[in-house]
Amino acid sequence: MKKQLFILFSLLGLGSFAQELSCKVTINTKRVNQTNQRVFTTLERSLQEYINRKAWTELKVKENERIDCSLVFTVSSYENNVLVADVQIQSSRPVYGSTYQTPLMNYQEKGVSFSYLENEPIYFNPNSFTSNLSSFVAYYAYIIIGVDADSFAPDGGKPYFEKALSVVLNAQGSGDGAWLQNGNNNRWQMVTDLLSNDFSAIHNVLYTYHRQGLDLMGTDPQKAKNGIGEALLMLNQLNYSRINRFMAQLFFDAKSDEIAQILLSGKPIEKRKEVQEVLLKLAPTHAQEWGQIK
């Protein structure tokens, strides 16, 4: 097994250990007319080194257990040392007994703004706000670690979502609306939804989908498909608790293509009609694929 239950990492004392994340950072500047590209090259290198060398938690993670992830900054402007970009945040984890990497996050935040001077050090203080850039990186590091942990153990991500919430609270006076309570689909909403009892089903969904679904695919494909079906039925609870589809959107942005590929092949799953109804309700843009589920 390439990766053991995430909760056990802190208990293992053998072998060499590494930081939690293996992150690829890309700064895309095709949208901007900037003659000095060195500042972007420096930022890209500095961010990647910072994210990958920092220990974000007290977990003891082996080199082959680091979480594969990426941050792609598509820059729309850079003026007076202020950079504005759309950022694509992606992460994945291996499926037991295979070389396949299953996507966990595929989320885009638009209009991310922060100041940056070339060769400026990136520093994060967990107890206070230091900069929008360092807080942004720390926030998504904890979200990525939390979602990964949820896929290995029931409610495994809670301690890391709480760390992400702490980042949000420390940034309240920064002047960036993405940290504030009002507004839709922002950092505040994401992490408070992940910690809310109203949306607790998402953690069971992530665990069941991966540990009782995908991770069984190599030994019992039909049992794995049925486990995935049960996980998808749990998503229905998100809509009953409150009229809000942010958590469902976060899930389907990462999983819709994979779900279609799995459920459109092989033998029919149990409760096929019920699963189709949930998928059509929560991800109607993929109605054509859902209608073909066996």
C-alpha atoms as a PDB file:
ATOM      1  CA  MET A   1       0.000   0.000   0.000  1.00  0.00           C
ATOM      2  CA  LYS A   2       1.452   3.362  -1.051  1.00  0.00           C
ATOM      3  CA  LYS A   3      -0.415   5.175   1.603  1.00  0.00           C
ATOM      4  CA  GLN A   4      -1.656   4.043   4.998  1.00  0.00           C
ATOM      5  CA  LEU A   5      -4.543   5.508   6.898  1.00  0.00           C
ATOM      6  CA  PHE A   6      -3.685   9.156   7.286  1.00  0.00           C
ATOM      7  CA  ILE A   7      -4.398   9.099  10.995  1.00  0.00           C
ATOM      8  CA  LEU A   8      -1.551   6.627  11.551  1.00  0.00           C
ATOM      9  CA  PHE A   9       1.142   8.892  10.177  1.00  0.00           C
ATOM     10  CA  SER A  10       1.750  10.523  13.535  1.00  0.00           C
ATOM     11  CA  LEU A  11       2.216   7.145  15.208  1.00  0.00           C
ATOM     12  CA  LEU A  12       4.827   5.678  12.901  1.00  0.00           C
ATOM     13  CA  GLY A  13       8.435   6.089  13.930  1.00  0.00           C
ATOM     14  CA  LEU A  14      10.334   4.138  11.268  1.00  0.00           C
ATOM     15  CA  GLY A  15      12.123   5.297   8.141  1.00  0.00           C
ATOM     16  CA  SER A  16      12.830   8.793   6.838  1.00  0.00           C
ATOM     17  CA  PHE A  17      10.069  11.384   6.838  1.00  0.00           C
ATOM     18  CA  ALA A  18       9.223  14.353   4.619  1.00  0.00           C
ATOM     19  CA  GLN A  19       6.825  17.239   4.498  1.00  0.00           C
ATOM     20  CA  GLU A  20       3.160  16.580   3.725  1.00  0.00           C
ATOM     21  CA  LEU A  21       2.858  18.152   0.272  1.00  0.00           C
ATOM     22  CA  SER A  22       4.465  17.560  -3.100  1.00  0.00           C
ATOM     23  CA  CYS A  23       3.214  20.647  -4.898  1.00  0.00           C
ATOM     24  CA  LYS A  24       3.842  21.903  -8.420  1.00  0.00           C
ATOM     25  CA  VAL A  25       3.435  25.683  -8.705  1.00  0.00           C
ATOM     26  CA  THR A  26       2.933  27.324 -12.105  1.00  0.00           C
ATOM     27  CA  ILE A  27       2.734  31.062 -12.788  1.00  0.00           C
ATOM     28  CA  ASN A  28       1.032  31.614 -16.160  1.00  0.00           C
ATOM     29  CA  THR A  29       1.616  35.162 -17.473  1.00  0.00           C
ATOM     30  CA  LYS A  30       0.125  34.878 -20.992  1.00  0.00           C
ATOM     31  CA  ARG A  31      -2.603  37.387 -20.125  1.00  0.00           C
ATOM     32  CA  VAL A  32      -0.232  40.172 -19.097  1.00  0.00           C
ATOM     33  CA  ASN A  33       2.243  42.287 -21.067  1.00  0.00           C
ATOM     34  CA  GLN A  34       5.129  42.234 -18.626  1.00  0.00           C
ATOM     35  CA  THR A  35       8.664  42.649 -19.910  1.00  0.00           C
ATOM     36  CA  ASN A  36      10.253  41.665 -16.605  1.00  0.00           C
ATOM     37  CA  GLN A  37       9.405  37.970 -16.359  1.00  0.00           C
ATOM     38  CA  ARG A  38      12.022  37.367 -13.687  1.00  0.00           C
ATOM     39  CA  VAL A  39       9.677  38.438 -10.906  1.00  0.00           C
ATOM     40  CA  PHE A  40       7.226  35.678 -11.909  1.00  0.00           C
ATOM     41  CA  THR A  41       9.977  33.073 -12.227  1.00  0.00           C
ATOM     42  CA  THR A  42      11.217  34.005  -8.774  1.00  0.00           C
ATOM     43  CA  LEU A  43       7.716  33.869  -7.311  1.00  0.00           C
ATOM     44  CA  GLU A  44       7.058  30.453  -8.870  1.00  0.00           C
ATOM     45  CA  ARG A  45      10.279  28.990  -7.494  1.00  0.00           C
ATOM     46  CA  SER A  46       9.873  30.603  -4.074  1.00  0.00           C
ATOM     47  CA  LEU A  47       6.292  29.392  -3.663  1.00  0.00           C
ATOM     48  CA  GLN A  48       7.092  25.840  -4.708  1.00  0.00           C
ATOM     49  CA  GLU A  49      10.082  25.611  -2.382  1.00  0.00           C
ATOM     50  CA  TYR A  50       8.142  27.169   0.489  1.00  0.00           C
ATOM     51  CA  ILE A  51       5.117  24.880   0.194  1.00  0.00           C
ATOM     52  CA  ASN A  52       7.154  21.704  -0.219  1.00  0.00           C
ATOM     53  CA  ARG A  53       9.751  22.372   2.462  1.00  0.00           C
ATOM     54  CA  LYS A  54       7.405  23.525   5.190  1.00  0.00           C
ATOM     55  CA  ALA A  55       5.970  21.070   7.702  1.00  0.00           C
ATOM     56  CA  TRP A  56       2.314  22.123   7.863  1.00  0.00           C
ATOM     57  CA  THR A  57       1.342  19.664  10.584  1.00  0.00           C
ATOM     58  CA  GLU A  58       2.971  17.356  13.122  1.00  0.00           C
ATOM     59  CA  LEU A  59       2.250  14.308  10.945  1.00  0.00           C
ATOM     60  CA  LYS A  60       5.156  12.004  10.120  1.00  0.00           C
ATOM     61  CA  VAL A  61       4.828  11.478   6.387  1.00  0.00           C
ATOM     62  CA  LYS A  62       7.094   9.252   4.315  1.00  0.00           C
ATOM     63  CA  GLU A  63       8.389  10.498   0.979  1.00  0.00           C
ATOM     64  CA  ASN A  64       6.085   8.244  -1.063  1.00  0.00           C
ATOM     65  CA  GLU A  65       3.086   9.328   1.031  1.00  0.00           C
ATOM     66  CA  ARG A  66       3.299  13.033   0.244  1.00  0.00           C
ATOM     67  CA  ILE A  67       0.138  14.513  -1.239  1.00  0.00           C
ATOM     68  CA  ASP A  68       0.409  15.328  -4.933  1.00  0.00           C
ATOM     69  CA  CYS A  69      -1.069  18.757  -5.618  1.00  0.00           C
ATOM     70  CA  SER A  70      -0.683  21.818  -7.809  1.00  0.00           C
ATOM     71  CA  LEU A  71      -1.377  25.538  -7.803  1.00  0.00           C
ATOM     72  CA  VAL A  72      -1.693  27.256 -11.181  1.00  0.00           C
ATOM     73  CA  PHE A  73      -1.732  31.071 -11.030  1.00  0.00           C
ATOM     74  CA  THR A  74      -3.083  32.594 -14.254  1.00  0.00           C
ATOM     75  CA  VAL A  75      -2.055  36.223 -13.846  1.00  0.00           C
ATOM     76  CA  SER A  76      -4.410  38.912 -15.142  1.00  0.00           C
ATOM     77  CA  SER A  77      -2.485  41.954 -13.893  1.00  0.00           C
ATOM     78  CA  TYR A  78       0.661  42.998 -12.083  1.00  0.00           C
ATOM     79  CA  GLU A  79       0.902  46.670 -11.222  1.00  0.00           C
ATOM     80  CA  ASN A  80       2.636  48.489  -8.381  1.00  0.00           C
ATOM     81  CA  ASN A  81       3.783  45.140  -6.986  1.00  0.00           C
ATOM     82  CA  VAL A  82       0.196  43.876  -6.705  1.00  0.00           C
ATOM     83  CA  LEU A  83      -0.570  40.658  -8.546  1.00  0.00           C
ATOM     84  CA  VAL A  84      -4.099  39.515  -9.468  1.00  0.00           C
ATOM     85  CA  ALA A  85      -4.665  35.974 -10.702  1.00  0.00           C
ATOM     86  CA  ASP A  86      -7.157  33.160 -11.075  1.00  0.00           C
ATOM     87  CA  VAL A  87      -5.788  30.160  -9.179  1.00  0.00           C
ATOM     88  CA  GLN A  88      -6.563  26.518  -9.934  1.00  0.00           C
ATOM     89  CA  ILE A  89      -6.081  24.294  -6.885  1.00  0.00           C
ATOM     90  CA  GLN A  90      -5.782  20.572  -7.561  1.00  0.00           C
ATOM     91  CA  SER A  91      -4.846  17.540  -5.500  1.00  0.00           C
ATOM     92  CA  SER A  92      -5.009  13.770  -5.842  1.00  0.00           C
ATOM     93  CA  ARG A  93      -4.221  10.590  -3.974  1.00  0.00           C
ATOM     94  CA  PRO A  94      -3.288   7.051  -5.098  1.00  0.00           C
ATOM     95  CA  VAL A  95      -5.856   4.285  -5.302  1.00  0.00           C
ATOM     96  CA  TYR A  96      -4.859   1.150  -3.387  1.00  0.00           C
ATOM     97  CA  GLY A  97      -3.322  -1.581  -5.528  1.00  0.00           C
ATOM     98  CA  SER A  98      -2.964   0.561  -8.658  1.00  0.00           C
ATOM     99  CA  THR A  99      -0.965   3.361 -10.240  1.00  0.00           C
ATOM    100  CA  TYR A 100      -4.108   5.456 -10.679  1.00  0.00           C
ATOM    101  CA  GLN A 101      -4.272   8.870  -8.989  1.00  0.00           C
ATOM    102  CA  THR A 102      -7.825   9.864  -8.102  1.00  0.00           C
ATOM    103  CA  PRO A 103      -8.606  13.604  -8.056  1.00  0.00           C
ATOM    104  CA  LEU A 104      -9.602  15.055  -4.679  1.00  0.00           C
ATOM    105  CA  MET A 105      -9.719  18.775  -5.450  1.00  0.00           C
ATOM    106  CA  ASN A 106     -10.152  20.689  -8.694  1.00  0.00           C
ATOM    107  CA  TYR A 107     -11.207  24.113  -7.522  1.00  0.00           C
ATOM    108  CA  GLN A 108     -10.677  27.534  -9.063  1.00  0.00           C
ATOM    109  CA  GLU A 109     -10.622  30.748  -7.073  1.00  0.00           C
ATOM    110  CA  LYS A 110     -10.895  33.831  -9.251  1.00  0.00           C
ATOM    111  CA  GLY A 111      -9.453  37.267  -8.663  1.00  0.00           C
ATOM    112  CA  VAL A 112      -6.907  36.336  -5.997  1.00  0.00           C
ATOM    113  CA  SER A 113      -4.932  39.459  -5.103  1.00  0.00           C
ATOM    114  CA  PHE A 114      -1.700  39.876  -3.170  1.00  0.00           C
ATOM    115  CA  SER A 115       1.393  42.074  -3.109  1.00  0.00           C
ATOM    116  CA  TYR A 116       4.769  40.656  -4.023  1.00  0.00           C
ATOM    117  CA  LEU A 117       8.243  42.146  -4.424  1.00  0.00           C
ATOM    118  CA  GLU A 118      10.893  40.153  -6.233  1.00  0.00           C
ATOM    119  CA  ASN A 119      12.885  37.986  -3.810  1.00  0.00           C
ATOM    120  CA  GLU A 120      10.548  38.931  -0.959  1.00  0.00           C
ATOM    121  CA  PRO A 121      10.595  36.109   1.620  1.00  0.00           C
ATOM    122  CA  ILE A 122       7.337  34.229   2.187  1.00  0.00           C
ATOM    123  CA  TYR A 123       6.589  33.833   5.867  1.00  0.00           C
ATOM    124  CA  PHE A 124       3.537  32.400   7.616  1.00  0.00           C
ATOM    125  CA  ASN A 125       2.709  32.817  11.299  1.00  0.00           C
ATOM    126  CA  PRO A 126      -0.108  30.485  12.447  1.00  0.00           C
ATOM    127  CA  ASN A 127      -0.991  32.893  15.238  1.00  0.00           C
ATOM    128  CA  SER A 128      -1.311  36.118  13.244  1.00  0.00           C
ATOM    129  CA  PHE A 129      -1.757  37.554   9.759  1.00  0.00           C
ATOM    130  CA  THR A 130       1.489  38.383   7.940  1.00  0.00           C
ATOM    131  CA  SER A 131       0.502  38.650   4.267  1.00  0.00           C
ATOM    132  CA  ASN A 132      -2.300  37.738   1.890  1.00  0.00           C
ATOM    133  CA  LEU A 133       0.009  35.468  -0.105  1.00  0.00           C
ATOM    134  CA  SER A 134       1.291  33.425   2.837  1.00  0.00           C
ATOM    135  CA  SER A 135      -2.211  33.109   4.316  1.00  0.00           C
ATOM    136  CA  PHE A 136      -3.657  32.055   0.942  1.00  0.00           C
ATOM    137  CA  VAL A 137      -1.022  29.331   0.580  1.00  0.00           C
ATOM    138  CA  ALA A 138      -1.437  28.149   4.176  1.00  0.00           C
ATOM    139  CA  TYR A 139      -5.216  28.057   3.875  1.00  0.00           C
ATOM    140  CA  TYR A 140      -5.198  25.800   0.827  1.00  0.00           C
ATOM    141  CA  ALA A 141      -2.381  23.654   2.227  1.00  0.00           C
ATOM    142  CA  TYR A 142      -4.613  22.827   5.199  1.00  0.00           C
ATOM    143  CA  ILE A 143      -7.687  22.317   2.988  1.00  0.00           C
ATOM    144  CA  ILE A 144      -5.738  19.919   0.730  1.00  0.00           C
ATOM    145  CA  ILE A 145      -4.381  17.979   3.707  1.00  0.00           C
ATOM    146  CA  GLY A 146      -7.852  17.857   5.287  1.00  0.00           C
ATOM    147  CA  VAL A 147      -9.630  16.563   2.177  1.00  0.00           C
ATOM    148  CA  ASP A 148      -6.924  13.934   1.725  1.00  0.00           C
ATOM    149  CA  ALA A 149      -7.283  12.863   5.364  1.00  0.00           C
ATOM    150  CA  ASP A 150     -11.070  12.616   4.974  1.00  0.00           C
ATOM    151  CA  SER A 151     -10.563  10.103   2.162  1.00  0.00           C
ATOM    152  CA  PHE A 152      -8.601   7.765   4.477  1.00  0.00           C
ATOM    153  CA  ALA A 153     -10.375   8.000   7.832  1.00  0.00           C
ATOM    154  CA  PRO A 154     -13.855   9.052   9.014  1.00  0.00           C
ATOM    155  CA  ASP A 155     -13.686  12.774   9.851  1.00  0.00           C
ATOM    156  CA  GLY A 156      -9.921  12.566   9.413  1.00  0.00           C
ATOM    157  CA  GLY A 157      -9.721  16.078   8.010  1.00  0.00           C
ATOM    158  CA  LYS A 158     -11.298  17.974  10.896  1.00  0.00           C
ATOM    159  CA  PRO A 159      -8.045  19.036  12.655  1.00  0.00           C
ATOM    160  CA  TYR A 160      -6.724  20.509   9.399  1.00  0.00           C
ATOM    161  CA  PHE A 161      -9.956  22.281   8.519  1.00  0.00           C
ATOM    162  CA  GLU A 162      -9.772  23.859  11.977  1.00  0.00           C
ATOM    163  CA  LYS A 163      -6.268  25.102  11.137  1.00  0.00           C
ATOM    164  CA  ALA A 164      -7.632  26.560   7.890  1.00  0.00           C
ATOM    165  CA  LEU A 165     -10.369  28.313   9.859  1.00  0.00           C
ATOM    166  CA  SER A 166      -7.726  29.813  12.117  1.00  0.00           C
ATOM    167  CA  VAL A 167      -6.036  31.276   9.020  1.00  0.00           C
ATOM    168  CA  VAL A 168      -9.358  32.800   7.978  1.00  0.00           C
ATOM    169  CA  LEU A 169      -9.991  34.327  11.394  1.00  0.00           C
ATOM    170  CA  ASN A 170      -6.497  35.819  11.557  1.00  0.00           C
ATOM    171  CA  ALA A 171      -7.044  37.441   8.147  1.00  0.00           C
ATOM    172  CA  GLN A 172     -10.285  39.236   9.037  1.00  0.00           C
ATOM    173  CA  GLY A 173      -8.596  42.645   9.139  1.00  0.00           C
ATOM    174  CA  SER A 174      -6.652  42.200   5.910  1.00  0.00           C
ATOM    175  CA  GLY A 175      -9.172  44.019   3.715  1.00  0.00           C
ATOM    176  CA  ASP A 176      -9.577  41.043   1.354  1.00  0.00           C
ATOM    177  CA  GLY A 177     -13.246  40.114   1.036  1.00  0.00           C
ATOM    178  CA  ALA A 178     -12.459  36.454   0.316  1.00  0.00           C
ATOM    179  CA  TRP A 179     -11.687  36.022   4.026  1.00  0.00           C
ATOM    180  CA  LEU A 180     -14.934  37.612   5.211  1.00  0.00           C
ATOM    181  CA  GLN A 181     -18.203  35.982   6.205  1.00  0.00           C
ATOM    182  CA  ASN A 182     -20.406  37.778   3.706  1.00  0.00           C
ATOM    183  CA  GLY A 183     -20.096  36.753   0.062  1.00  0.00           C
ATOM    184  CA  ASN A 184     -20.544  33.508  -1.801  1.00  0.00           C
ATOM    185  CA  ASN A 185     -18.122  30.668  -2.486  1.00  0.00           C
ATOM    186  CA  ASN A 186     -15.260  32.298  -0.629  1.00  0.00           C
ATOM    187  CA  ARG A 187     -12.649  30.949   1.766  1.00  0.00           C
ATOM    188  CA  TRP A 188     -14.808  31.657   4.796  1.00  0.00           C
ATOM    189  CA  GLN A 189     -17.727  29.754   3.338  1.00  0.00           C
ATOM    190  CA  MET A 190     -15.635  26.791   2.193  1.00  0.00           C
ATOM    191  CA  VAL A 191     -14.022  26.077   5.545  1.00  0.00           C
ATOM    192  CA  THR A 192     -17.062  26.847   7.699  1.00  0.00           C
ATOM    193  CA  ASP A 193     -19.130  24.515   5.506  1.00  0.00           C
ATOM    194  CA  LEU A 194     -16.478  21.829   5.891  1.00  0.00           C
ATOM    195  CA  LEU A 195     -16.737  22.209   9.684  1.00  0.00           C
ATOM    196  CA  SER A 196     -20.521  22.661   9.833  1.00  0.00           C
ATOM    197  CA  ASN A 197     -22.814  19.927  11.144  1.00  0.00           C
ATOM    198  CA  ASP A 198     -25.169  20.832   8.299  1.00  0.00           C
ATOM    199  CA  PHE A 199     -22.645  19.482   5.821  1.00  0.00           C
ATOM    200  CA  SER A 200     -21.106  16.670   7.854  1.00  0.00           C
ATOM    201  CA  ALA A 201     -22.240  14.191   5.185  1.00  0.00           C
ATOM    202  CA  ILE A 202     -19.453  15.349   2.870  1.00  0.00           C
ATOM    203  CA  HIS A 203     -16.863  13.729   5.146  1.00  0.00           C
ATOM    204  CA  ASN A 204     -18.696  10.398   5.093  1.00  0.00           C
ATOM    205  CA  VAL A 205     -18.992  10.729   1.316  1.00  0.00           C
ATOM    206  CA  LEU A 206     -15.250  11.222   0.882  1.00  0.00           C
ATOM    207  CA  TYR A 207     -14.393   8.303   3.161  1.00  0.00           C
ATOM    208  CA  THR A 208     -16.964   5.867   1.727  1.00  0.00           C
ATOM    209  CA  TYR A 209     -16.251   6.809  -1.897  1.00  0.00           C
ATOM    210  CA  HIS A 210     -12.529   6.152  -1.526  1.00  0.00           C
ATOM    211  CA  ARG A 211     -12.004   3.528   1.186  1.00  0.00           C
ATOM    212  CA  GLN A 212     -15.185   1.499   0.578  1.00  0.00           C
ATOM    213  CA  GLY A 213     -15.260   2.217  -3.144  1.00  0.00           C
ATOM    214  CA  LEU A 214     -12.204   3.058  -5.208  1.00  0.00           C
ATOM    215  CA  ASP A 215      -9.682   1.283  -2.967  1.00  0.00           C
ATOM    216  CA  LEU A 216     -11.571  -2.000  -3.507  1.00  0.00           C
ATOM    217  CA  MET A 217     -11.563  -1.704  -7.297  1.00  0.00           C
ATOM    218  CA  GLY A 218      -8.533  -3.967  -7.726  1.00  0.00           C
ATOM    219  CA  THR A 219      -9.960  -6.834  -5.668  1.00  0.00           C
ATOM    220  CA  ASP A 220     -13.739  -6.588  -6.120  1.00  0.00           C
ATOM    221  CA  PRO A 221     -14.834  -4.122  -8.846  1.00  0.00           C
ATOM    222  CA  GLN A 222     -18.552  -4.694  -8.301  1.00  0.00           C
ATOM    223  CA  LYS A 223     -18.345  -4.149  -4.552  1.00  0.00           C
ATOM    224  CA  ALA A 224     -16.282  -1.052  -5.251  1.00  0.00           C
ATOM    225  CA  LYS A 225     -18.901   0.339  -7.651  1.00  0.00           C
ATOM    226  CA  ASN A 226     -21.672  -0.302  -5.145  1.00  0.00           C
ATOM    227  CA  GLY A 227     -19.629   1.455  -2.452  1.00  0.00           C
ATOM    228  CA  ILE A 228     -19.259   4.471  -4.720  1.00  0.00           C
ATOM    229  CA  GLY A 229     -23.011   4.374  -5.326  1.00  0.00           C
ATOM    230  CA  GLU A 230     -23.668   4.414  -1.573  1.00  0.00           C
ATOM    231  CA  ALA A 231     -21.338   7.376  -1.186  1.00  0.00           C
ATOM    232  CA  LEU A 232     -23.187   9.290  -3.907  1.00  0.00           C
ATOM    233  CA  LEU A 233     -26.512   8.619  -2.183  1.00  0.00           C
ATOM    234  CA  MET A 234     -25.066  10.254   0.959  1.00  0.00           C
ATOM    235  CA  LEU A 235     -24.665  13.471  -1.042  1.00  0.00           C
ATOM    236  CA  ASN A 236     -28.437  13.774  -1.006  1.00  0.00           C
ATOM    237  CA  GLN A 237     -28.212  14.739   2.679  1.00  0.00           C
ATOM    238  CA  LEU A 238     -26.375  17.938   1.753  1.00  0.00           C
ATOM    239  CA  ASN A 239     -29.425  19.354   0.045  1.00  0.00           C
ATOM    240  CA  TYR A 240     -31.804  18.402   2.839  1.00  0.00           C
ATOM    241  CA  SER A 241     -29.780  20.134   5.542  1.00  0.00           C
ATOM    242  CA  ARG A 242     -29.618  23.546   3.892  1.00  0.00           C
ATOM    243  CA  ILE A 243     -30.219  25.049   0.457  1.00  0.00           C
ATOM    244  CA  ASN A 244     -26.574  25.337  -0.530  1.00  0.00           C
ATOM    245  CA  ARG A 245     -24.708  23.469  -3.219  1.00  0.00           C
ATOM    246  CA  PHE A 246     -21.181  24.676  -2.572  1.00  0.00           C
ATOM    247  CA  MET A 247     -20.049  21.403  -0.989  1.00  0.00           C
ATOM    248  CA  ALA A 248     -21.647  19.341  -3.765  1.00  0.00           C
ATOM    249  CA  GLN A 249     -20.001  21.578  -6.365  1.00  0.00           C
ATOM    250  CA  LEU A 250     -16.621  21.145  -4.690  1.00  0.00           C
ATOM    251  CA  PHE A 251     -17.072  17.371  -4.879  1.00  0.00           C
ATOM    252  CA  PHE A 252     -18.301  17.201  -8.491  1.00  0.00           C
ATOM    253  CA  ASP A 253     -15.690  19.622  -9.810  1.00  0.00           C
ATOM    254  CA  ALA A 254     -13.145  16.976  -8.853  1.00  0.00           C
ATOM    255  CA  LYS A 255     -15.133  13.789  -9.401  1.00  0.00           C
ATOM    256  CA  SER A 256     -17.691  14.121 -12.231  1.00  0.00           C
ATOM    257  CA  ASP A 257     -15.512  12.689 -15.024  1.00  0.00           C
ATOM    258  CA  GLU A 258     -14.301   9.842 -12.829  1.00  0.00           C
ATOM    259  CA  ILE A 259     -17.836   8.962 -11.679  1.00  0.00           C
ATOM    260  CA  ALA A 260     -19.079   8.822 -15.260  1.00  0.00           C
ATOM    261  CA  GLN A 261     -16.178   6.615 -16.342  1.00  0.00           C
ATOM    262  CA  ILE A 262     -16.710   4.158 -13.478  1.00  0.00           C
ATOM    263  CA  LEU A 263     -20.499   3.930 -13.518  1.00  0.00           C
ATOM    264  CA  LEU A 264     -20.861   3.738 -17.308  1.00  0.00           C
ATOM    265  CA  SER A 265     -18.831   0.541 -17.539  1.00  0.00           C
ATOM    266  CA  GLY A 266     -19.186  -2.984 -16.204  1.00  0.00           C
ATOM    267  CA  LYS A 267     -22.184  -4.476 -14.429  1.00  0.00           C
ATOM    268  CA  PRO A 268     -25.023  -2.257 -13.151  1.00  0.00           C
ATOM    269  CA  ILE A 269     -24.706  -0.820  -9.654  1.00  0.00           C
ATOM    270  CA  GLU A 270     -27.223  -1.390  -6.907  1.00  0.00           C
ATOM    271  CA  LYS A 271     -29.827   1.380  -6.442  1.00  0.00           C
ATOM    272  CA  ARG A 272     -29.063   2.673  -9.915  1.00  0.00           C
ATOM    273  CA  LYS A 273     -32.197   4.804 -10.201  1.00  0.00           C
ATOM    274  CA  GLU A 274     -31.697   6.410  -6.787  1.00  0.00           C
ATOM    275  CA  VAL A 275     -28.083   7.251  -7.652  1.00  0.00           C
ATOM    276  CA  GLN A 276     -29.146   8.734 -10.976  1.00  0.00           C
ATOM    277  CA  GLU A 277     -31.716  10.953  -9.255  1.00  0.00           C
ATOM    278  CA  VAL A 278     -29.114  12.341  -6.828  1.00  0.00           C
ATOM    279  CA  LEU A 279     -26.619  12.978  -9.620  1.00  0.00           C
ATOM    280  CA  LEU A 280     -29.210  14.694 -11.801  1.00  0.00           C
ATOM    281  CA  LYS A 281     -30.274  16.913  -8.920  1.00  0.00           C
ATOM    282  CA  LEU A 282     -26.831  17.923  -7.707  1.00  0.00           C
ATOM    283  CA  ALA A 283     -24.895  17.910 -11.005  1.00  0.00           C
ATOM    284  CA  PRO A 284     -27.469  18.558 -13.754  1.00  0.00           C
ATOM    285  CA  THR A 285     -24.855  19.800 -16.230  1.00  0.00           C
ATOM    286  CA  HIS A 286     -23.781  16.162 -16.642  1.00  0.00           C
ATOM    287  CA  ALA A 287     -27.310  14.879 -17.268  1.00  0.00           C
ATOM    288  CA  GLN A 288     -26.351  13.111 -20.502  1.00  0.00           C
ATOM    289  CA  GLU A 289     -23.700  11.000 -18.765  1.00  0.00           C
ATOM    290  CA  TRP A 290     -25.883  10.254 -15.745  1.00  0.00           C
ATOM    291  CA  GLY A 291     -28.688   9.026 -17.984  1.00  0.00           C
ATOM    292  CA  GLN A 292     -26.414   6.302 -19.339  1.00  0.00           C
ATOM    293  CA  ILE A 293     -25.422   4.856 -15.963  1.00  0.00           C
ATOM    294  CA  LYS A 294     -25.843   1.088 -15.891  1.00  0.00           C
END
